[in-house]
Protein backbone atom coordinates (compact mmCIF):
# COMPACT_ATOMS: atom_id res chain seq x y z
CA UNK A 1 -53.37 -11.11 -31.90
CA UNK A 2 -57.31 -11.17 -30.19
CA UNK A 3 -59.44 -14.10 -31.20
CA UNK A 4 -59.58 -16.70 -33.93
CA UNK A 5 -57.27 -18.26 -36.62
CA UNK A 6 -56.78 -16.98 -39.10
CA UNK A 7 -54.47 -19.63 -41.22
CA UNK A 8 -53.35 -22.74 -41.07
CA UNK A 9 -50.43 -22.54 -38.06
CA UNK A 10 -49.02 -24.95 -36.35
CA UNK A 11 -49.38 -24.11 -31.88
CA UNK A 12 -45.89 -24.99 -31.15
CA UNK A 13 -44.88 -22.15 -34.20
CA UNK A 14 -47.33 -19.67 -32.68
CA UNK A 15 -46.44 -20.15 -29.13
CA UNK A 16 -42.84 -19.92 -30.08
CA UNK A 17 -44.14 -16.04 -30.55
CA UNK A 18 -44.71 -15.71 -26.78
CA UNK A 19 -41.93 -14.91 -24.71
CA UNK A 20 -42.06 -17.98 -22.95
CA UNK A 21 -38.75 -18.86 -20.24
CA UNK A 22 -37.82 -22.13 -21.32
CA UNK A 23 -35.66 -23.53 -18.21
CA UNK A 24 -33.67 -25.63 -20.14
CA UNK A 25 -31.96 -22.82 -21.83
CA UNK A 26 -28.73 -21.14 -20.23
CA UNK A 27 -29.21 -18.08 -18.75
CA UNK A 28 -27.51 -14.54 -19.81
CA UNK A 29 -24.24 -14.13 -18.74
CA UNK A 30 -25.50 -10.52 -16.67
CA UNK A 31 -28.93 -12.67 -15.46
CA UNK A 32 -26.33 -15.43 -13.91
CA UNK A 33 -24.06 -13.12 -12.42
CA UNK A 34 -26.91 -12.05 -10.66
CA UNK A 35 -27.88 -15.47 -9.44
CA UNK A 36 -24.32 -16.74 -8.21
CA UNK A 37 -21.10 -15.78 -8.78
CA UNK A 38 -19.64 -18.61 -10.50
CA UNK A 39 -19.72 -18.31 -14.25
CA UNK A 40 -20.36 -21.52 -15.38
CA UNK A 41 -23.32 -21.75 -13.68
CA UNK A 42 -26.59 -22.97 -15.39
CA UNK A 43 -30.13 -23.03 -14.35
CA UNK A 44 -30.78 -25.47 -17.06
CA UNK A 45 -28.29 -27.98 -15.08
CA UNK A 46 -31.15 -28.81 -12.89
CA UNK A 47 -34.43 -28.83 -15.04
CA UNK A 48 -34.91 -31.52 -17.11
CA UNK A 49 -31.41 -31.42 -19.23
CA UNK A 50 -29.92 -33.65 -16.80
CA UNK A 51 -32.86 -36.30 -17.70
CA UNK A 52 -31.78 -39.28 -20.11
CA UNK A 53 -34.75 -40.99 -20.79
CA UNK A 54 -35.94 -41.16 -24.41
CA UNK A 55 -39.18 -42.34 -23.45
CA UNK A 56 -39.67 -38.81 -21.07
CA UNK A 57 -38.30 -37.19 -24.10
CA UNK A 58 -41.30 -38.92 -26.22
CA UNK A 59 -43.93 -37.83 -24.05
CA UNK A 60 -42.40 -34.17 -24.02
CA UNK A 61 -43.13 -33.45 -27.27
CA UNK A 62 -46.46 -34.33 -27.58
CA UNK A 63 -49.10 -32.09 -25.73
CA UNK A 64 -48.60 -28.74 -28.53
CA UNK A 65 -49.02 -31.20 -31.36
CA UNK A 66 -52.05 -33.13 -29.74
CA UNK A 67 -54.08 -29.89 -28.94
CA UNK A 68 -53.37 -28.77 -32.34
CA UNK A 69 -55.95 -31.44 -33.62
CA UNK A 70 -57.80 -30.86 -30.82
CA UNK A 71 -58.21 -27.29 -31.42
CA UNK A 72 -58.66 -27.48 -35.78
CA UNK A 73 -61.40 -30.90 -34.99
CA UNK A 74 -63.53 -28.29 -32.98
CA UNK A 75 -62.92 -25.01 -34.35
CA UNK A 76 -62.52 -23.57 -31.27
CA UNK A 77 -61.83 -19.76 -30.81
CA UNK A 78 -58.49 -19.17 -29.41
CA UNK A 79 -57.16 -15.63 -27.74
CA UNK A 80 -53.59 -15.16 -28.78
CA UNK A 81 -53.00 -11.93 -26.74
CA UNK A 82 -50.50 -14.20 -23.86
CA UNK A 83 -49.60 -17.67 -23.30
CA UNK A 84 -51.96 -17.90 -20.11
CA UNK A 85 -54.99 -16.67 -22.75
CA UNK A 86 -54.01 -19.64 -24.68
CA UNK A 87 -54.07 -21.73 -22.19
CA UNK A 88 -57.28 -20.44 -20.35
CA UNK A 89 -59.40 -19.98 -24.08
CA UNK A 90 -59.43 -23.93 -24.26
CA UNK A 91 -59.65 -24.70 -20.78
CA UNK A 92 -63.00 -22.37 -20.80
CA UNK A 93 -64.62 -24.08 -23.49
CA UNK A 94 -67.01 -26.93 -22.20
CA UNK A 95 -66.70 -28.95 -25.15
CA UNK A 96 -62.67 -29.08 -25.00
CA UNK A 97 -61.97 -28.73 -21.37
CA UNK A 98 -62.24 -32.77 -21.13
CA UNK A 99 -60.43 -33.66 -23.67
CA UNK A 100 -57.85 -31.24 -22.86
CA UNK A 101 -57.61 -33.20 -19.59
CA UNK A 102 -57.12 -36.30 -21.26
CA UNK A 103 -54.00 -35.32 -23.50
CA UNK A 104 -52.80 -34.01 -20.11
CA UNK A 105 -53.06 -37.35 -18.41
CA UNK A 106 -51.85 -39.25 -20.93
CA UNK A 107 -49.20 -36.83 -21.90
CA UNK A 108 -48.35 -34.32 -19.59
CA UNK A 109 -46.91 -30.28 -21.09
CA UNK A 110 -44.18 -29.61 -22.92
CA UNK A 111 -40.99 -28.48 -20.58
CA UNK A 112 -41.12 -24.90 -22.10
CA UNK A 113 -45.02 -24.41 -20.85
CA UNK A 114 -45.26 -26.63 -18.18
CA UNK A 115 -44.68 -24.13 -14.87
CA UNK A 116 -47.00 -21.61 -16.96
CA UNK A 117 -49.72 -24.75 -17.29
CA UNK A 118 -48.93 -25.46 -13.56
CA UNK A 119 -49.64 -22.15 -12.19
CA UNK A 120 -52.74 -21.60 -13.94
CA UNK A 121 -54.37 -24.83 -13.32
CA UNK A 122 -53.41 -24.29 -9.37
CA UNK A 123 -54.64 -21.03 -9.00
CA UNK A 124 -57.54 -20.66 -11.55
CA UNK A 125 -60.66 -20.68 -8.84
CA UNK A 126 -64.07 -21.27 -10.95
CA UNK A 127 -65.09 -22.74 -14.15
CA UNK A 128 -63.92 -19.90 -16.27
CA UNK A 129 -60.72 -21.03 -15.36
CA UNK A 130 -59.95 -16.68 -14.29
CA UNK A 131 -58.30 -16.01 -10.46
CA UNK A 132 -58.44 -13.68 -7.93
CA UNK A 133 -55.65 -11.37 -8.83
CA UNK A 134 -56.44 -8.96 -5.37
CA UNK A 135 -56.12 -12.52 -3.21
CA UNK A 136 -52.61 -12.97 -5.00
CA UNK A 137 -51.21 -9.65 -4.67
CA UNK A 138 -52.12 -9.84 -1.45
CA UNK A 139 -50.14 -12.62 -1.03
CA UNK A 140 -46.99 -11.40 -2.52
CA UNK A 141 -47.24 -8.09 -0.37
CA UNK A 142 -47.04 -10.99 2.96
CA UNK A 143 -44.57 -13.08 1.75
CA UNK A 144 -41.48 -11.06 3.09
CA UNK A 145 -43.65 -10.54 6.15
CA UNK A 146 -43.72 -14.21 6.27
CA UNK A 147 -40.10 -15.22 5.82
CA UNK A 148 -39.49 -11.80 8.07
CA UNK A 149 -41.82 -13.24 11.13
CA UNK A 150 -40.67 -14.86 14.60
CA UNK A 151 -41.21 -18.86 14.50
CA UNK A 152 -38.63 -20.44 16.34
CA UNK A 153 -39.80 -23.82 15.95
CA UNK A 154 -40.40 -23.58 12.12
CA UNK A 155 -36.89 -21.60 11.43
CA UNK A 156 -34.64 -24.27 13.34
CA UNK A 157 -36.68 -27.72 11.41
CA UNK A 158 -36.57 -25.68 8.25
CA UNK A 159 -32.59 -24.80 8.51
CA UNK A 160 -32.08 -28.15 9.35
CA UNK A 161 -33.83 -29.68 6.24
CA UNK A 162 -32.53 -27.07 4.04
CA UNK A 163 -28.85 -29.10 4.11
CA UNK A 164 -30.97 -32.17 3.25
CA UNK A 165 -31.78 -30.85 0.21
CA UNK A 166 -29.80 -32.04 -2.76
CA UNK A 167 -26.85 -31.21 -1.65
CA UNK A 168 -24.90 -32.90 -5.03
CA UNK A 169 -26.52 -29.83 -6.66
CA UNK A 170 -24.64 -26.46 -7.02
CA UNK A 171 -28.36 -25.40 -6.40
CA UNK A 172 -28.52 -26.64 -3.04
CA UNK A 173 -24.97 -26.85 -1.84
CA UNK A 174 -24.66 -25.19 1.06
CA UNK A 175 -26.89 -22.67 3.21
CA UNK A 176 -25.35 -19.83 1.06
CA UNK A 177 -26.27 -21.24 -2.12
CA UNK A 178 -28.40 -19.07 -3.90
CA UNK A 179 -31.09 -21.96 -3.98
CA UNK A 180 -30.78 -23.07 -0.68
CA UNK A 181 -31.50 -19.29 0.37
CA UNK A 182 -34.75 -19.50 -1.63
CA UNK A 183 -35.64 -22.61 -0.30
CA UNK A 184 -35.22 -21.65 3.26
CA UNK A 185 -37.77 -18.64 2.75
CA UNK A 186 -40.13 -20.77 0.94
CA UNK A 187 -40.58 -23.56 3.41
CA UNK A 188 -40.26 -20.70 6.19
CA UNK A 189 -43.04 -19.11 4.38
CA UNK A 190 -45.39 -21.68 4.05
CA UNK A 191 -44.30 -23.14 7.45
CA UNK A 192 -45.97 -19.97 8.88
CA UNK A 193 -48.87 -19.21 6.24
CA UNK A 194 -50.57 -22.65 7.52
CA UNK A 195 -50.20 -21.88 11.17
CA UNK A 196 -52.56 -25.24 11.88
CA UNK A 197 -49.38 -27.26 10.03
CA UNK A 198 -46.50 -25.20 10.46
CA UNK A 199 -43.57 -26.80 8.76
CA UNK A 200 -43.41 -30.62 8.07
CA UNK A 201 -40.00 -32.56 7.42
CA UNK A 202 -40.00 -33.28 4.31
CA UNK A 203 -41.45 -30.58 2.67
CA UNK A 204 -38.20 -29.09 1.76
CA UNK A 205 -37.78 -31.98 -0.90
CA UNK A 206 -41.24 -30.59 -2.42
CA UNK A 207 -40.05 -26.41 -2.65
CA UNK A 208 -36.44 -27.65 -3.76
CA UNK A 209 -38.51 -29.58 -6.93
CA UNK A 210 -40.61 -26.40 -7.30
CA UNK A 211 -38.23 -23.82 -7.11
CA UNK A 212 -35.94 -26.09 -10.09
CA UNK A 213 -39.35 -26.31 -12.29
CA UNK A 214 -40.09 -22.34 -11.45
CA UNK A 215 -36.83 -21.65 -12.91
CA UNK A 216 -36.33 -19.99 -9.17
CA UNK A 217 -39.17 -17.67 -9.37
CA UNK A 218 -39.48 -18.14 -5.04
CA UNK A 219 -42.60 -16.05 -4.94
CA UNK A 220 -44.18 -17.70 -7.54
CA UNK A 221 -43.54 -20.89 -6.31
CA UNK A 222 -44.60 -20.08 -2.85
CA UNK A 223 -48.15 -18.86 -4.38
CA UNK A 224 -48.04 -22.27 -6.57
CA UNK A 225 -48.13 -24.42 -3.46
CA UNK A 226 -50.59 -22.34 -1.46
CA UNK A 227 -53.14 -22.39 -4.16
CA UNK A 228 -52.46 -26.11 -4.55
CA UNK A 229 -52.28 -27.11 -1.31
CA UNK A 230 -55.92 -25.42 -0.32
CA UNK A 231 -57.61 -26.10 -3.78
CA UNK A 232 -60.93 -27.41 -2.63
CA UNK A 233 -60.71 -30.67 -5.09
CA UNK A 234 -56.86 -31.60 -3.17
CA UNK A 235 -56.99 -29.90 0.60
CA UNK A 236 -53.47 -31.14 0.14
CA UNK A 237 -52.69 -29.27 3.83
CA UNK A 238 -54.82 -31.84 5.97
CA UNK A 239 -51.98 -34.03 4.68
CA UNK A 240 -49.88 -32.15 7.33
CA UNK A 241 -52.35 -31.22 10.19
CA UNK A 242 -52.50 -32.63 13.29
CA UNK A 243 -52.64 -36.67 13.42
CA UNK A 244 -52.90 -35.75 9.57
CA UNK A 245 -56.58 -36.62 8.38
CA UNK A 246 -56.05 -36.75 4.82
CA UNK A 247 -53.32 -38.43 4.93
CA UNK A 248 -54.54 -41.24 6.79
CA UNK A 249 -57.81 -41.23 4.67
CA UNK A 250 -55.73 -41.44 1.61
CA UNK A 251 -53.73 -44.27 3.31
CA UNK A 252 -57.21 -46.11 3.62
CA UNK A 253 -58.13 -45.60 -0.42
CA UNK A 254 -54.33 -47.10 -1.27
CA UNK A 255 -55.46 -50.15 0.55
CA UNK A 256 -59.02 -50.39 -0.48
CA UNK A 257 -57.63 -49.99 -4.36
CA UNK A 258 -54.97 -52.60 -4.09
CA UNK A 259 -57.49 -55.32 -2.34
CA UNK A 260 -60.18 -54.36 -5.32
CA UNK A 261 -57.24 -54.35 -8.26
CA UNK A 262 -54.57 -56.74 -7.09
CA UNK A 263 -55.96 -58.71 -3.90
CA UNK A 264 -52.68 -61.53 -3.89
CA UNK A 265 -50.62 -58.97 -3.44
CA UNK A 266 -52.29 -56.80 -1.04
CA UNK A 267 -52.80 -59.78 0.65
CA UNK A 268 -48.69 -60.16 0.51
CA UNK A 269 -47.87 -56.90 2.06
CA UNK A 270 -50.34 -57.99 5.12
CA UNK A 271 -49.01 -60.99 5.30
CA UNK A 272 -44.97 -59.64 5.52
CA UNK A 273 -45.93 -56.94 7.66
CA UNK A 274 -45.16 -54.32 5.17
CA UNK A 275 -45.24 -51.05 7.11
CA UNK A 276 -46.98 -48.48 5.57
CA UNK A 277 -44.27 -46.15 7.80
CA UNK A 278 -42.17 -47.71 5.09
CA UNK A 279 -43.39 -46.49 2.05
CA UNK A 280 -46.84 -45.62 1.14
CA UNK A 281 -46.69 -42.83 4.48
CA UNK A 282 -43.70 -41.01 2.85
CA UNK A 283 -45.10 -41.48 -0.96
CA UNK A 284 -48.12 -39.41 0.36
CA UNK A 285 -46.27 -36.58 2.64
CA UNK A 286 -43.96 -35.55 0.24
CA UNK A 287 -45.66 -35.95 -3.29
CA UNK A 288 -43.38 -38.66 -4.22
CA UNK A 289 -40.44 -35.92 -4.09
CA UNK A 290 -37.86 -38.03 -2.72
CA UNK A 291 -38.80 -41.42 -3.75
CA UNK A 292 -38.57 -41.17 -7.34
CA UNK A 293 -36.49 -39.76 -9.99
CA UNK A 294 -37.22 -36.53 -12.11
CA UNK A 295 -38.47 -37.54 -15.01
CA UNK A 296 -41.37 -39.40 -12.77
CA UNK A 297 -41.93 -36.35 -10.41
CA UNK A 298 -42.52 -34.58 -13.12
CA UNK A 299 -45.18 -36.65 -14.65
CA UNK A 300 -46.62 -37.12 -11.79
CA UNK A 301 -47.62 -33.56 -11.03
CA UNK A 302 -48.77 -32.99 -14.84
CA UNK A 303 -51.20 -35.97 -13.34
CA UNK A 304 -52.11 -34.30 -10.46
CA UNK A 305 -52.63 -30.81 -11.96
CA UNK A 306 -55.99 -32.26 -13.50
CA UNK A 307 -56.80 -34.60 -10.82
CA UNK A 308 -58.26 -34.57 -7.19
CA UNK A 309 -56.79 -35.23 -4.44
CA UNK A 310 -56.82 -38.83 -5.07
CA UNK A 311 -54.31 -38.39 -7.66
CA UNK A 312 -51.70 -39.36 -4.90
CA UNK A 313 -53.35 -42.68 -4.55
CA UNK A 314 -53.51 -43.88 -8.42
CA UNK A 315 -49.87 -43.04 -8.64
CA UNK A 316 -48.69 -45.22 -5.49
CA UNK A 317 -50.79 -47.80 -6.72
CA UNK A 318 -49.64 -48.06 -10.08
CA UNK A 319 -46.17 -48.08 -8.59
CA UNK A 320 -47.24 -50.93 -6.79
CA UNK A 321 -48.12 -52.98 -9.09
CA UNK A 322 -44.88 -52.47 -11.01
CA UNK A 323 -43.19 -53.88 -7.88
CA UNK A 324 -45.16 -56.92 -7.51
CA UNK A 325 -42.61 -59.06 -8.31
CA UNK A 326 -40.53 -57.57 -5.53
CA UNK A 327 -43.30 -57.47 -2.41
CA UNK A 328 -44.08 -61.38 -3.82
CA UNK A 329 -40.42 -62.51 -3.84
CA UNK A 330 -38.38 -60.55 -1.72
CA UNK A 331 -38.08 -60.09 2.31
CA UNK A 332 -38.71 -57.08 4.20
CA UNK A 333 -35.37 -56.12 3.76
CA UNK A 334 -34.94 -56.56 0.33
CA UNK A 335 -38.16 -54.61 -0.07
CA UNK A 336 -37.24 -51.63 2.14
CA UNK A 337 -33.71 -51.43 0.25
CA UNK A 338 -35.94 -51.36 -2.88
CA UNK A 339 -37.89 -48.53 -2.04
CA UNK A 340 -35.30 -46.67 0.46
CA UNK A 341 -34.03 -44.22 -2.93
CA UNK A 342 -34.89 -42.40 -6.09
CA UNK A 343 -32.70 -44.21 -7.75
CA UNK A 344 -33.26 -47.88 -6.56
CA UNK A 345 -36.79 -47.64 -6.80
CA UNK A 346 -37.36 -46.53 -10.06
CA UNK A 347 -34.74 -49.08 -11.65
CA UNK A 348 -37.70 -51.31 -10.88
CA UNK A 349 -39.73 -49.44 -12.82
CA UNK A 350 -40.89 -49.10 -16.46
CA UNK A 351 -41.60 -45.27 -17.20
CA UNK A 352 -43.61 -45.47 -20.69
CA UNK A 353 -46.08 -48.25 -19.04
CA UNK A 354 -46.30 -46.04 -15.58
CA UNK A 355 -47.16 -42.78 -17.97
CA UNK A 356 -49.93 -45.24 -20.27
CA UNK A 357 -51.49 -46.32 -17.41
CA UNK A 358 -52.43 -42.95 -16.03
CA UNK A 359 -55.34 -42.30 -18.16
CA UNK A 360 -57.04 -45.70 -16.93
CA UNK A 361 -56.02 -46.18 -13.23
CA UNK A 362 -59.15 -43.27 -12.52
CA UNK A 363 -62.16 -44.41 -10.38
CA UNK A 364 -65.77 -42.96 -10.66
CA UNK A 365 -66.93 -40.70 -8.43
CA UNK A 366 -69.49 -42.92 -6.57
CA UNK A 367 -66.81 -44.94 -5.16
CA UNK A 368 -64.92 -42.08 -4.07
CA UNK A 369 -68.30 -41.33 -2.49
CA UNK A 370 -68.26 -44.91 -0.88
CA UNK A 371 -64.56 -44.58 0.42
CA UNK A 372 -65.05 -41.23 1.92
CA UNK A 373 -68.34 -42.33 3.69
CA UNK A 374 -66.91 -45.73 4.47
CA UNK A 375 -64.07 -44.45 6.10
CA UNK A 376 -65.36 -41.45 7.84
CA UNK A 377 -67.81 -43.81 9.89
CA UNK A 378 -65.16 -46.08 11.07
CA UNK A 379 -63.21 -43.12 12.50
CA UNK A 380 -64.17 -43.00 16.51
CA UNK A 381 -65.69 -38.85 17.68
CA UNK A 382 -61.83 -37.65 17.82
CA UNK A 383 -61.30 -39.13 14.62
CA UNK A 384 -64.34 -38.09 12.99
CA UNK A 385 -63.92 -34.19 14.72
CA UNK A 386 -60.26 -33.91 12.95
CA UNK A 387 -61.67 -35.49 9.33
CA UNK A 388 -64.71 -33.49 9.17
CA UNK A 389 -63.86 -30.71 7.66
CA UNK A 390 -62.20 -32.62 4.54
CA UNK A 391 -65.36 -34.97 5.17
CA UNK A 392 -67.91 -32.21 4.59
CA UNK A 393 -66.20 -30.35 1.58
CA UNK A 394 -65.29 -33.55 -0.07
CA UNK A 395 -68.45 -35.22 -0.12
CA UNK A 396 -70.02 -31.52 -1.00
CA UNK A 397 -67.70 -31.97 -4.15
CA UNK A 398 -68.40 -35.17 -5.06
CA UNK A 399 -72.16 -35.62 -4.73
CA UNK A 400 -73.40 -32.21 -5.76
CA UNK A 401 -75.98 -32.94 -8.50
CA UNK A 402 -74.64 -36.87 -8.78
CA UNK A 403 -73.86 -37.53 -12.22
CA UNK A 404 -71.17 -40.02 -13.25
CA UNK A 405 -70.27 -38.25 -16.86
CA UNK A 406 -69.94 -34.89 -14.90
CA UNK A 407 -67.76 -32.32 -15.82
CA UNK A 408 -65.41 -31.98 -12.10
CA UNK A 409 -63.58 -28.76 -13.13
CA UNK A 410 -66.84 -27.03 -13.86
CA UNK A 411 -66.89 -27.20 -10.01
CA UNK A 412 -63.54 -26.10 -8.87
CA UNK A 413 -64.30 -22.94 -6.90
CA UNK A 414 -62.55 -22.09 -4.11
CA UNK A 415 -62.89 -20.57 -0.23
CA UNK A 416 -60.85 -17.33 0.11
CA UNK A 417 -57.80 -17.84 2.77
CA UNK A 418 -58.86 -18.82 5.74
CA UNK A 419 -59.34 -15.97 8.92
CA UNK A 420 -56.19 -17.30 10.62
CA UNK A 421 -55.58 -15.42 13.70
CA UNK A 422 -52.38 -17.28 14.69
CA UNK A 423 -50.75 -15.85 11.98
CA UNK A 424 -51.99 -12.55 12.26
CA UNK A 425 -50.34 -12.90 16.03
CA UNK A 426 -47.44 -14.10 14.50
CA UNK A 427 -46.96 -11.20 12.38
CA UNK A 428 -48.02 -8.77 14.99
CA UNK A 429 -44.77 -9.84 16.77
């Protein structure tokens, strides 16, 4: 164990020595009985075994093989004490980190390591890729209090939304299903943790997807979404706060980028009167979780792990470019039908082209800064007040010692959990 590689050993074999939970494998009988009283139940049914896509499976097997080349070419010292330390020792090395992020952008993660990596990337809060263990323990203690606290507004909406989540799956088939109870608790806890946001309809699709990927790790799923949303480079809770300040900014960026890359397409959208609420707004607020099929959604989240808030914009742009024929030739009802369900939308897309394009779609920090300033100065005083926090934090993050090839991951420092008097009062009642 420990650091270093003493001999030629394939990473895939070495990683196999770890007891990594592979969600595509069937749970043992005694474990299965603890989850649900139906002997034919398989957790694997709800992960990737239901994806019949050869291109998806091709990309699924590339991550570790490419990491192997990276380690050998740069003689990286690896800590093999645990799978977590394996990933952390890679990301702590500035010379390797950028290349690793590039590999993830192009190929994503191998599925057995996906949830492990998502959690690590979301909770890493400094350039050393460590995390605040006390904060994580505090949230673990807080979780049951959030679930038990009284909040009628959140409880009412969550109850309705849980029943709308993937009813065709046994995991969420009824309020009594094990997945539904976990989903209810997760959604309520998130809605209470962010008092200014509360629970917003559509969060159930995000949380349901994450519960599947995590292997029904309920508390870990809650902690992941909190880390992911409040990370300094993301600030995703701003998508849902009053007046949706971050969502409006990202829509602005989407249309700026579309106009620059696809002026004819942008003009057709304006001319045909296609409203944002029909597609872009839904995409952003749900992280595409009820707009695309699972193989796309998994790769989108892989991508979001290594980008900032603008990653949501890049994904939307790539999907829109593949919908070019529909937008230029179809009328509004036909367009609405094309984007109306994951199946109809993805039938218009090419998965291979989508994944390959992810490595080329990002824009420079200078461009992102220009968009940020341009948007901020178009707002009235009320709008500036609501957006000011996101403007200040994002501008500081992008503008400090500006350098085009700057290693953005070296500046991932996160804030502590906010002082939330509303939450404290709610827990006291």
